[in-house]
Amino acid sequence: IASLVIGVFVWGLILWVMFRYRRKNNTEVPRQTRYNLPLEIMY
């Protein structure tokens, strides 16, 4: 059960990132971030 919950959460994040941050045109450059301390502490 724990493995499935974690798996579904990770798969959901992957799909969300794929669609939320997909490149909309060939000239668009995503914002460059060197690090995110809260996120790194969390994972």
All heavy atoms as atom14 arrays in JSON, in Angstrom:
{
  "sequence": "IASLVIGVFVWGLILWVMFRYRRKNNTEVPRQTRYNLPLEIMY",
  "atom14_mask": [
    [1, 1, 1, 1, 1, 1, 1, 1, 0, 0, 0, 0, 0, 0],
    [1, 1, 1, 1, 1, 0, 0, 0, 0, 0, 0, 0, 0, 0],
    [1, 1, 1, 1, 1, 1, 0, 0, 0, 0, 0, 0, 0, 0],
    [1, 1, 1, 1, 1, 1, 1, 1, 0, 0, 0, 0, 0, 0],
    [1, 1, 1, 1, 1, 1, 1, 0, 0, 0, 0, 0, 0, 0],
    [1, 1, 1, 1, 1, 1, 1, 1, 0, 0, 0, 0, 0, 0],
    [1, 1, 1, 1, 0, 0, 0, 0, 0, 0, 0, 0, 0, 0],
    [1, 1, 1, 1, 1, 1, 1, 0, 0, 0, 0, 0, 0, 0],
    [1, 1, 1, 1, 1, 1, 1, 1, 1, 1, 1, 0, 0, 0],
    [1, 1, 1, 1, 1, 1, 1, 0, 0, 0, 0, 0, 0, 0],
    [1, 1, 1, 1, 1, 1, 1, 1, 1, 1, 1, 1, 1, 1],
    [1, 1, 1, 1, 0, 0, 0, 0, 0, 0, 0, 0, 0, 0],
    [1, 1, 1, 1, 1, 1, 1, 1, 0, 0, 0, 0, 0, 0],
    [1, 1, 1, 1, 1, 1, 1, 1, 0, 0, 0, 0, 0, 0],
    [1, 1, 1, 1, 1, 1, 1, 1, 0, 0, 0, 0, 0, 0],
    [1, 1, 1, 1, 1, 1, 1, 1, 1, 1, 1, 1, 1, 1],
    [1, 1, 1, 1, 1, 1, 1, 0, 0, 0, 0, 0, 0, 0],
    [1, 1, 1, 1, 1, 1, 1, 1, 0, 0, 0, 0, 0, 0],
    [1, 1, 1, 1, 1, 1, 1, 1, 1, 1, 1, 0, 0, 0],
    [1, 1, 1, 1, 1, 1, 1, 1, 1, 1, 1, 0, 0, 0],
    [1, 1, 1, 1, 1, 1, 1, 1, 1, 1, 1, 1, 0, 0],
    [1, 1, 1, 1, 1, 1, 1, 1, 1, 1, 1, 0, 0, 0],
    [1, 1, 1, 1, 1, 1, 1, 1, 1, 1, 1, 0, 0, 0],
    [1, 1, 1, 1, 1, 1, 1, 1, 1, 0, 0, 0, 0, 0],
    [1, 1, 1, 1, 1, 1, 1, 1, 0, 0, 0, 0, 0, 0],
    [1, 1, 1, 1, 1, 1, 1, 1, 0, 0, 0, 0, 0, 0],
    [1, 1, 1, 1, 1, 1, 1, 0, 0, 0, 0, 0, 0, 0],
    [1, 1, 1, 1, 1, 1, 1, 1, 1, 0, 0, 0, 0, 0],
    [1, 1, 1, 1, 1, 1, 1, 0, 0, 0, 0, 0, 0, 0],
    [1, 1, 1, 1, 1, 1, 1, 0, 0, 0, 0, 0, 0, 0],
    [1, 1, 1, 1, 1, 1, 1, 1, 1, 1, 1, 0, 0, 0],
    [1, 1, 1, 1, 1, 1, 1, 1, 1, 0, 0, 0, 0, 0],
    [1, 1, 1, 1, 1, 1, 1, 0, 0, 0, 0, 0, 0, 0],
    [1, 1, 1, 1, 1, 1, 1, 1, 1, 1, 1, 0, 0, 0],
    [1, 1, 1, 1, 1, 1, 1, 1, 1, 1, 1, 1, 0, 0],
    [1, 1, 1, 1, 1, 1, 1, 1, 0, 0, 0, 0, 0, 0],
    [1, 1, 1, 1, 1, 1, 1, 1, 0, 0, 0, 0, 0, 0],
    [1, 1, 1, 1, 1, 1, 1, 0, 0, 0, 0, 0, 0, 0],
    [1, 1, 1, 1, 1, 1, 1, 1, 0, 0, 0, 0, 0, 0],
    [1, 1, 1, 1, 1, 1, 1, 1, 1, 0, 0, 0, 0, 0],
    [1, 1, 1, 1, 1, 1, 1, 1, 0, 0, 0, 0, 0, 0],
    [1, 1, 1, 1, 1, 1, 1, 1, 0, 0, 0, 0, 0, 0],
    [1, 1, 1, 1, 1, 1, 1, 1, 1, 1, 1, 1, 0, 0]
  ],
  "atom14_positions": [
    [[0.83, -1.2, 0.0], [0.0, 0.0, 0.0], [0.87, 1.25, 0.0], [0.62, 2.2, -0.76], [-0.95, -0.02, 1.21], [-1.98, -1.14, 1.06], [-1.65, 1.32, 1.37], [-2.8, -1.41, 2.3], [0.0, 0.0, 0.0], [0.0, 0.0, 0.0], [0.0, 0.0, 0.0], [0.0, 0.0, 0.0], [0.0, 0.0, 0.0], [0.0, 0.0, 0.0]],
    [[1.91, 1.25, 0.84], [2.81, 2.41, 0.88], [3.5, 2.62, -0.46], [3.64, 3.76, -0.95], [3.85, 2.22, 1.99], [0.0, 0.0, 0.0], [0.0, 0.0, 0.0], [0.0, 0.0, 0.0], [0.0, 0.0, 0.0], [0.0, 0.0, 0.0], [0.0, 0.0, 0.0], [0.0, 0.0, 0.0], [0.0, 0.0, 0.0], [0.0, 0.0, 0.0]],
    [[3.93, 1.52, -1.09], [4.6, 1.62, -2.39], [3.66, 2.18, -3.44], [4.06, 3.02, -4.27], [5.1, 0.25, -2.83], [6.06, -0.26, -1.91], [0.0, 0.0, 0.0], [0.0, 0.0, 0.0], [0.0, 0.0, 0.0], [0.0, 0.0, 0.0], [0.0, 0.0, 0.0], [0.0, 0.0, 0.0], [0.0, 0.0, 0.0], [0.0, 0.0, 0.0]],
    [[2.4, 1.75, -3.43], [1.44, 2.24, -4.41], [1.13, 3.72, -4.19], [1.03, 4.49, -5.16], [0.16, 1.42, -4.35], [0.24, 0.02, -4.97], [-1.05, -0.75, -4.72], [0.52, 0.1, -6.46], [0.0, 0.0, 0.0], [0.0, 0.0, 0.0], [0.0, 0.0, 0.0], [0.0, 0.0, 0.0], [0.0, 0.0, 0.0], [0.0, 0.0, 0.0]],
    [[0.97, 4.12, -2.93], [0.7, 5.53, -2.64], [1.85, 6.4, -3.12], [1.64, 7.43, -3.79], [0.46, 5.73, -1.13], [0.42, 7.21, -0.79], [-0.85, 5.05, -0.71], [0.0, 0.0, 0.0], [0.0, 0.0, 0.0], [0.0, 0.0, 0.0], [0.0, 0.0, 0.0], [0.0, 0.0, 0.0], [0.0, 0.0, 0.0], [0.0, 0.0, 0.0]],
    [[3.07, 6.0, -2.8], [4.24, 6.78, -3.23], [4.35, 6.77, -4.74], [4.64, 7.8, -5.38], [5.52, 6.2, -2.58], [5.47, 6.4, -1.06], [6.77, 6.86, -3.16], [6.53, 5.64, -0.3], [0.0, 0.0, 0.0], [0.0, 0.0, 0.0], [0.0, 0.0, 0.0], [0.0, 0.0, 0.0], [0.0, 0.0, 0.0], [0.0, 0.0, 0.0]],
    [[4.09, 5.59, -5.35], [4.17, 5.49, -6.81], [3.18, 6.4, -7.51], [3.52, 7.11, -8.46], [0.0, 0.0, 0.0], [0.0, 0.0, 0.0], [0.0, 0.0, 0.0], [0.0, 0.0, 0.0], [0.0, 0.0, 0.0], [0.0, 0.0, 0.0], [0.0, 0.0, 0.0], [0.0, 0.0, 0.0], [0.0, 0.0, 0.0], [0.0, 0.0, 0.0]],
    [[1.92, 6.39, -7.03], [0.9, 7.24, -7.63], [1.26, 8.72, -7.47], [1.1, 9.53, -8.4], [-0.47, 6.94, -7.0], [-1.5, 8.0, -7.4], [-0.95, 5.55, -7.4], [0.0, 0.0, 0.0], [0.0, 0.0, 0.0], [0.0, 0.0, 0.0], [0.0, 0.0, 0.0], [0.0, 0.0, 0.0], [0.0, 0.0, 0.0], [0.0, 0.0, 0.0]],
    [[1.8, 9.09, -6.29], [2.19, 10.48, -6.05], [3.31, 10.9, -7.01], [3.26, 11.98, -7.63], [2.64, 10.64, -4.61], [3.15, 12.01, -4.26], [2.27, 13.09, -4.19], [4.5, 12.24, -4.01], [2.73, 14.36, -3.87], [4.96, 13.5, -3.7], [4.08, 14.56, -3.62], [0.0, 0.0, 0.0], [0.0, 0.0, 0.0], [0.0, 0.0, 0.0]],
    [[4.32, 10.04, -7.17], [5.45, 10.36, -8.06], [4.98, 10.41, -9.52], [5.35, 11.32, -10.27], [6.58, 9.34, -7.87], [7.68, 9.53, -8.93], [7.18, 9.45, -6.49], [0.0, 0.0, 0.0], [0.0, 0.0, 0.0], [0.0, 0.0, 0.0], [0.0, 0.0, 0.0], [0.0, 0.0, 0.0], [0.0, 0.0, 0.0], [0.0, 0.0, 0.0]],
    [[4.19, 9.43, -9.93], [3.68, 9.45, -11.31], [2.83, 10.7, -11.54], [2.9, 11.31, -12.62], [2.83, 8.21, -11.58], [3.59, 6.93, -11.47], [4.92, 6.73, -11.75], [3.08, 5.67, -11.01], [5.27, 5.43, -11.49], [4.17, 4.75, -11.04], [1.85, 5.22, -10.59], [4.02, 3.41, -10.66], [1.69, 3.89, -10.23], [2.77, 3.01, -10.26]],
    [[2.04, 11.1, -10.55], [1.24, 12.31, -10.69], [2.11, 13.55, -10.86], [1.82, 14.42, -11.7], [0.0, 0.0, 0.0], [0.0, 0.0, 0.0], [0.0, 0.0, 0.0], [0.0, 0.0, 0.0], [0.0, 0.0, 0.0], [0.0, 0.0, 0.0], [0.0, 0.0, 0.0], [0.0, 0.0, 0.0], [0.0, 0.0, 0.0], [0.0, 0.0, 0.0]],
    [[3.18, 13.65, -10.07], [4.1, 14.78, -10.21], [4.74, 14.81, -11.58], [4.89, 15.88, -12.19], [5.18, 14.72, -9.12], [4.79, 15.1, -7.7], [5.98, 14.94, -6.76], [4.28, 16.55, -7.65], [0.0, 0.0, 0.0], [0.0, 0.0, 0.0], [0.0, 0.0, 0.0], [0.0, 0.0, 0.0], [0.0, 0.0, 0.0], [0.0, 0.0, 0.0]],
    [[5.14, 13.65, -12.07], [5.77, 13.59, -13.39], [4.81, 14.08, -14.47], [5.17, 14.91, -15.32], [6.23, 12.14, -13.69], [7.39, 11.75, -12.77], [6.66, 12.0, -15.16], [7.79, 10.28, -12.87], [0.0, 0.0, 0.0], [0.0, 0.0, 0.0], [0.0, 0.0, 0.0], [0.0, 0.0, 0.0], [0.0, 0.0, 0.0], [0.0, 0.0, 0.0]],
    [[3.57, 13.58, -14.43], [2.59, 14.0, -15.43], [2.26, 15.48, -15.31], [2.13, 16.19, -16.33], [1.32, 13.15, -15.29], [1.47, 11.67, -15.65], [0.19, 10.91, -15.31], [1.82, 11.51, -17.13], [0.0, 0.0, 0.0], [0.0, 0.0, 0.0], [0.0, 0.0, 0.0], [0.0, 0.0, 0.0], [0.0, 0.0, 0.0], [0.0, 0.0, 0.0]],
    [[2.14, 15.96, -14.06], [1.82, 17.38, -13.87], [2.92, 18.27, -14.43], [2.65, 19.25, -15.13], [1.63, 17.65, -12.38], [1.3, 19.09, -12.08], [0.13, 19.74, -12.34], [2.16, 20.05, -11.47], [0.2, 21.05, -11.92], [1.45, 21.26, -11.38], [3.46, 19.99, -10.98], [2.0, 22.41, -10.84], [4.01, 21.14, -10.43], [3.29, 22.33, -10.37]],
    [[4.18, 17.92, -14.14], [5.31, 18.71, -14.64], [5.36, 18.66, -16.17], [5.64, 19.67, -16.83], [6.63, 18.21, -14.03], [7.83, 18.83, -14.73], [6.67, 18.53, -12.54], [0.0, 0.0, 0.0], [0.0, 0.0, 0.0], [0.0, 0.0, 0.0], [0.0, 0.0, 0.0], [0.0, 0.0, 0.0], [0.0, 0.0, 0.0], [0.0, 0.0, 0.0]],
    [[5.1, 17.46, -16.73], [5.14, 17.33, -18.2], [4.17, 18.28, -18.88], [4.49, 18.9, -19.9], [4.83, 15.88, -18.58], [5.93, 14.89, -18.29], [5.4, 13.18, -18.54], [4.85, 13.21, -20.24], [0.0, 0.0, 0.0], [0.0, 0.0, 0.0], [0.0, 0.0, 0.0], [0.0, 0.0, 0.0], [0.0, 0.0, 0.0], [0.0, 0.0, 0.0]],
    [[2.96, 18.41, -18.31], [1.95, 19.24, -18.96], [2.0, 20.7, -18.51], [1.76, 21.61, -19.3], [0.55, 18.66, -18.71], [0.28, 17.4, -19.48], [0.48, 16.16, -18.9], [-0.13, 17.47, -20.8], [0.23, 15.0, -19.61], [-0.37, 16.31, -21.53], [-0.19, 15.07, -20.94], [0.0, 0.0, 0.0], [0.0, 0.0, 0.0], [0.0, 0.0, 0.0]],
    [[2.31, 20.91, -17.22], [2.31, 22.28, -16.69], [3.47, 23.08, -17.24], [3.32, 24.28, -17.55], [2.38, 22.23, -15.16], [2.56, 23.59, -14.49], [1.36, 24.49, -14.71], [1.49, 25.75, -14.04], [2.21, 26.79, -14.49], [2.83, 26.71, -15.68], [2.27, 27.9, -13.79], [0.0, 0.0, 0.0], [0.0, 0.0, 0.0], [0.0, 0.0, 0.0]],
    [[4.63, 22.48, -17.42], [5.82, 23.23, -17.81], [6.33, 22.86, -19.21], [7.5, 23.04, -19.53], [6.94, 23.01, -16.79], [6.59, 23.54, -15.42], [6.19, 22.68, -14.4], [6.62, 24.91, -15.16], [5.85, 23.17, -13.15], [6.27, 25.41, -13.91], [5.89, 24.53, -12.91], [5.54, 25.03, -11.68], [0.0, 0.0, 0.0], [0.0, 0.0, 0.0]],
    [[5.46, 22.3, -20.03], [5.88, 21.97, -21.39], [6.17, 23.26, -22.18], [5.53, 24.3, -21.96], [4.84, 21.13, -22.1], [3.55, 21.86, -22.43], [2.5, 20.89, -22.97], [1.32, 21.55, -23.44], [0.34, 21.97, -22.67], [0.41, 21.81, -21.36], [-0.72, 22.57, -23.19], [0.0, 0.0, 0.0], [0.0, 0.0, 0.0], [0.0, 0.0, 0.0]],
    [[7.08, 23.16, -23.07], [7.45, 24.34, -23.87], [6.37, 24.62, -24.89], [5.93, 23.74, -25.62], [8.78, 24.09, -24.58], [9.31, 25.34, -25.27], [10.76, 25.19, -25.69], [10.94, 24.1, -26.63], [12.11, 23.79, -27.19], [13.19, 24.45, -26.84], [12.2, 22.79, -28.04], [0.0, 0.0, 0.0], [0.0, 0.0, 0.0], [0.0, 0.0, 0.0]],
    [[5.94, 25.91, -24.93], [4.83, 26.28, -25.8], [5.3, 26.73, -27.18], [4.52, 26.71, -28.12], [4.01, 27.38, -25.13], [3.37, 26.93, -23.81], [2.56, 28.03, -23.19], [1.84, 27.56, -21.93], [2.78, 27.08, -20.89], [0.0, 0.0, 0.0], [0.0, 0.0, 0.0], [0.0, 0.0, 0.0], [0.0, 0.0, 0.0], [0.0, 0.0, 0.0]],
    [[6.53, 27.17, -27.28], [7.08, 27.52, -28.61], [8.58, 27.32, -28.59], [9.19, 27.14, -27.53], [6.72, 28.97, -28.98], [7.22, 29.95, -27.94], [8.43, 30.13, -27.76], [6.27, 30.6, -27.24], [0.0, 0.0, 0.0], [0.0, 0.0, 0.0], [0.0, 0.0, 0.0], [0.0, 0.0, 0.0], [0.0, 0.0, 0.0], [0.0, 0.0, 0.0]],
    [[9.2, 27.34, -29.74], [10.61, 27.02, -29.87], [11.54, 28.11, -29.34], [12.73, 27.88, -29.14], [10.96, 26.74, -31.34], [10.29, 25.47, -31.84], [10.04, 24.56, -31.05], [10.0, 25.42, -33.14], [0.0, 0.0, 0.0], [0.0, 0.0, 0.0], [0.0, 0.0, 0.0], [0.0, 0.0, 0.0], [0.0, 0.0, 0.0], [0.0, 0.0, 0.0]],
    [[11.02, 29.31, -29.1], [11.87, 30.41, -28.63], [11.79, 30.6, -27.12], [12.59, 31.34, -26.55], [11.46, 31.71, -29.32], [10.1, 32.01, -29.02], [11.64, 31.59, -30.84], [0.0, 0.0, 0.0], [0.0, 0.0, 0.0], [0.0, 0.0, 0.0], [0.0, 0.0, 0.0], [0.0, 0.0, 0.0], [0.0, 0.0, 0.0], [0.0, 0.0, 0.0]],
    [[10.84, 29.93, -26.49], [10.64, 30.12, -25.04], [11.77, 29.44, -24.26], [12.13, 28.3, -24.53], [9.29, 29.54, -24.61], [8.99, 29.73, -23.14], [7.68, 29.1, -22.73], [7.06, 28.41, -23.58], [7.27, 29.28, -21.58], [0.0, 0.0, 0.0], [0.0, 0.0, 0.0], [0.0, 0.0, 0.0], [0.0, 0.0, 0.0], [0.0, 0.0, 0.0]],
    [[12.32, 30.16, -23.3], [13.36, 29.63, -22.43], [12.83, 29.63, -21.0], [12.37, 30.67, -20.52], [14.65, 30.47, -22.51], [15.71, 29.93, -21.55], [15.19, 30.47, -23.94], [0.0, 0.0, 0.0], [0.0, 0.0, 0.0], [0.0, 0.0, 0.0], [0.0, 0.0, 0.0], [0.0, 0.0, 0.0], [0.0, 0.0, 0.0], [0.0, 0.0, 0.0]],
    [[12.84, 28.49, -20.31], [12.3, 28.46, -18.94], [13.15, 29.28, -17.98], [14.34, 29.51, -18.21], [12.37, 26.97, -18.58], [13.42, 26.41, -19.45], [13.36, 27.18, -20.73], [0.0, 0.0, 0.0], [0.0, 0.0, 0.0], [0.0, 0.0, 0.0], [0.0, 0.0, 0.0], [0.0, 0.0, 0.0], [0.0, 0.0, 0.0], [0.0, 0.0, 0.0]],
    [[12.52, 29.75, -16.91], [13.24, 30.51, -15.9], [14.33, 29.64, -15.28], [14.1, 28.5, -14.91], [12.26, 30.98, -14.82], [12.9, 31.85, -13.75], [11.81, 32.54, -12.94], [10.95, 31.59, -12.27], [11.18, 31.13, -11.02], [12.24, 31.54, -10.34], [10.34, 30.3, -10.46], [0.0, 0.0, 0.0], [0.0, 0.0, 0.0], [0.0, 0.0, 0.0]],
    [[15.53, 30.19, -15.19], [16.68, 29.45, -14.68], [16.77, 29.6, -13.15], [16.89, 30.72, -12.64], [17.97, 29.94, -15.33], [17.94, 29.9, -16.85], [17.74, 28.48, -17.37], [18.53, 27.59, -17.07], [16.68, 28.27, -18.14], [0.0, 0.0, 0.0], [0.0, 0.0, 0.0], [0.0, 0.0, 0.0], [0.0, 0.0, 0.0], [0.0, 0.0, 0.0]],
    [[16.71, 28.47, -12.44], [16.8, 28.47, -10.98], [17.97, 27.61, -10.56], [18.04, 26.43, -10.93], [15.5, 27.94, -10.35], [14.4, 28.74, -10.83], [15.57, 27.98, -8.84], [0.0, 0.0, 0.0], [0.0, 0.0, 0.0], [0.0, 0.0, 0.0], [0.0, 0.0, 0.0], [0.0, 0.0, 0.0], [0.0, 0.0, 0.0], [0.0, 0.0, 0.0]],
    [[18.88, 28.16, -9.78], [20.08, 27.4, -9.39], [19.76, 26.38, -8.32], [20.27, 25.28, -8.33], [21.17, 28.36, -8.91], [21.68, 29.28, -10.01], [22.78, 30.18, -9.5], [23.92, 29.4, -9.0], [24.99, 29.95, -8.4], [25.03, 31.26, -8.21], [25.98, 29.2, -8.0], [0.0, 0.0, 0.0], [0.0, 0.0, 0.0], [0.0, 0.0, 0.0]],
    [[18.91, 26.74, -7.38], [18.53, 25.8, -6.32], [17.26, 26.29, -5.65], [16.87, 27.45, -5.78], [19.66, 25.62, -5.3], [20.02, 26.9, -4.58], [19.35, 27.29, -3.42], [21.05, 27.73, -5.06], [19.68, 28.45, -2.76], [21.37, 28.89, -4.4], [20.7, 29.26, -3.25], [21.02, 30.42, -2.6], [0.0, 0.0, 0.0], [0.0, 0.0, 0.0]],
    [[16.65, 25.33, -4.93], [15.46, 25.66, -4.15], [15.63, 24.95, -2.82], [15.36, 23.75, -2.69], [14.2, 25.18, -4.88], [12.92, 25.62, -4.17], [12.81, 25.52, -2.96], [11.96, 26.1, -4.95], [0.0, 0.0, 0.0], [0.0, 0.0, 0.0], [0.0, 0.0, 0.0], [0.0, 0.0, 0.0], [0.0, 0.0, 0.0], [0.0, 0.0, 0.0]],
    [[16.09, 25.69, -1.82], [16.45, 25.08, -0.55], [15.29, 24.35, 0.12], [15.46, 23.19, 0.56], [17.04, 26.13, 0.39], [17.64, 25.6, 1.7], [18.74, 24.59, 1.42], [18.16, 26.76, 2.54], [0.0, 0.0, 0.0], [0.0, 0.0, 0.0], [0.0, 0.0, 0.0], [0.0, 0.0, 0.0], [0.0, 0.0, 0.0], [0.0, 0.0, 0.0]],
    [[14.09, 24.92, 0.24], [12.99, 24.18, 0.87], [12.67, 22.87, 0.15], [12.42, 21.84, 0.78], [11.81, 25.16, 0.79], [12.46, 26.5, 0.71], [13.7, 26.3, -0.11], [0.0, 0.0, 0.0], [0.0, 0.0, 0.0], [0.0, 0.0, 0.0], [0.0, 0.0, 0.0], [0.0, 0.0, 0.0], [0.0, 0.0, 0.0], [0.0, 0.0, 0.0]],
    [[12.7, 22.92, -1.2], [12.4, 21.7, -1.96], [13.47, 20.64, -1.74], [13.17, 19.45, -1.57], [12.31, 22.04, -3.44], [11.83, 20.92, -4.37], [10.42, 20.49, -4.0], [11.89, 21.37, -5.83], [0.0, 0.0, 0.0], [0.0, 0.0, 0.0], [0.0, 0.0, 0.0], [0.0, 0.0, 0.0], [0.0, 0.0, 0.0], [0.0, 0.0, 0.0]],
    [[14.74, 21.04, -1.69], [15.82, 20.09, -1.48], [15.76, 19.48, -0.08], [16.03, 18.29, 0.1], [17.17, 20.77, -1.71], [17.39, 21.15, -3.18], [18.71, 21.87, -3.39], [19.52, 21.91, -2.45], [18.92, 22.38, -4.51], [0.0, 0.0, 0.0], [0.0, 0.0, 0.0], [0.0, 0.0, 0.0], [0.0, 0.0, 0.0], [0.0, 0.0, 0.0]],
    [[15.4, 20.28, 0.9], [15.25, 19.74, 2.27], [14.1, 18.74, 2.3], [14.2, 17.67, 2.93], [15.01, 20.88, 3.27], [16.28, 21.73, 3.4], [14.61, 20.33, 4.63], [16.11, 22.96, 4.26], [0.0, 0.0, 0.0], [0.0, 0.0, 0.0], [0.0, 0.0, 0.0], [0.0, 0.0, 0.0], [0.0, 0.0, 0.0], [0.0, 0.0, 0.0]],
    [[13.0, 19.07, 1.6], [11.85, 18.19, 1.61], [12.18, 16.84, 0.99], [11.89, 15.78, 1.58], [10.68, 18.83, 0.84], [9.41, 17.99, 0.9], [8.14, 18.54, -0.27], [8.85, 17.96, -1.82], [0.0, 0.0, 0.0], [0.0, 0.0, 0.0], [0.0, 0.0, 0.0], [0.0, 0.0, 0.0], [0.0, 0.0, 0.0], [0.0, 0.0, 0.0]],
    [[12.81, 16.82, -0.21], [13.05, 15.52, -0.84], [14.25, 14.78, -0.23], [14.56, 13.66, -0.61], [13.15, 15.61, -2.37], [14.29, 16.37, -2.98], [15.62, 16.01, -2.76], [14.04, 17.42, -3.86], [16.65, 16.69, -3.38], [15.08, 18.11, -4.47], [16.38, 17.72, -4.23], [17.41, 18.41, -4.85], [0.0, 0.0, 0.0], [0.0, 0.0, 0.0]]
  ]
}
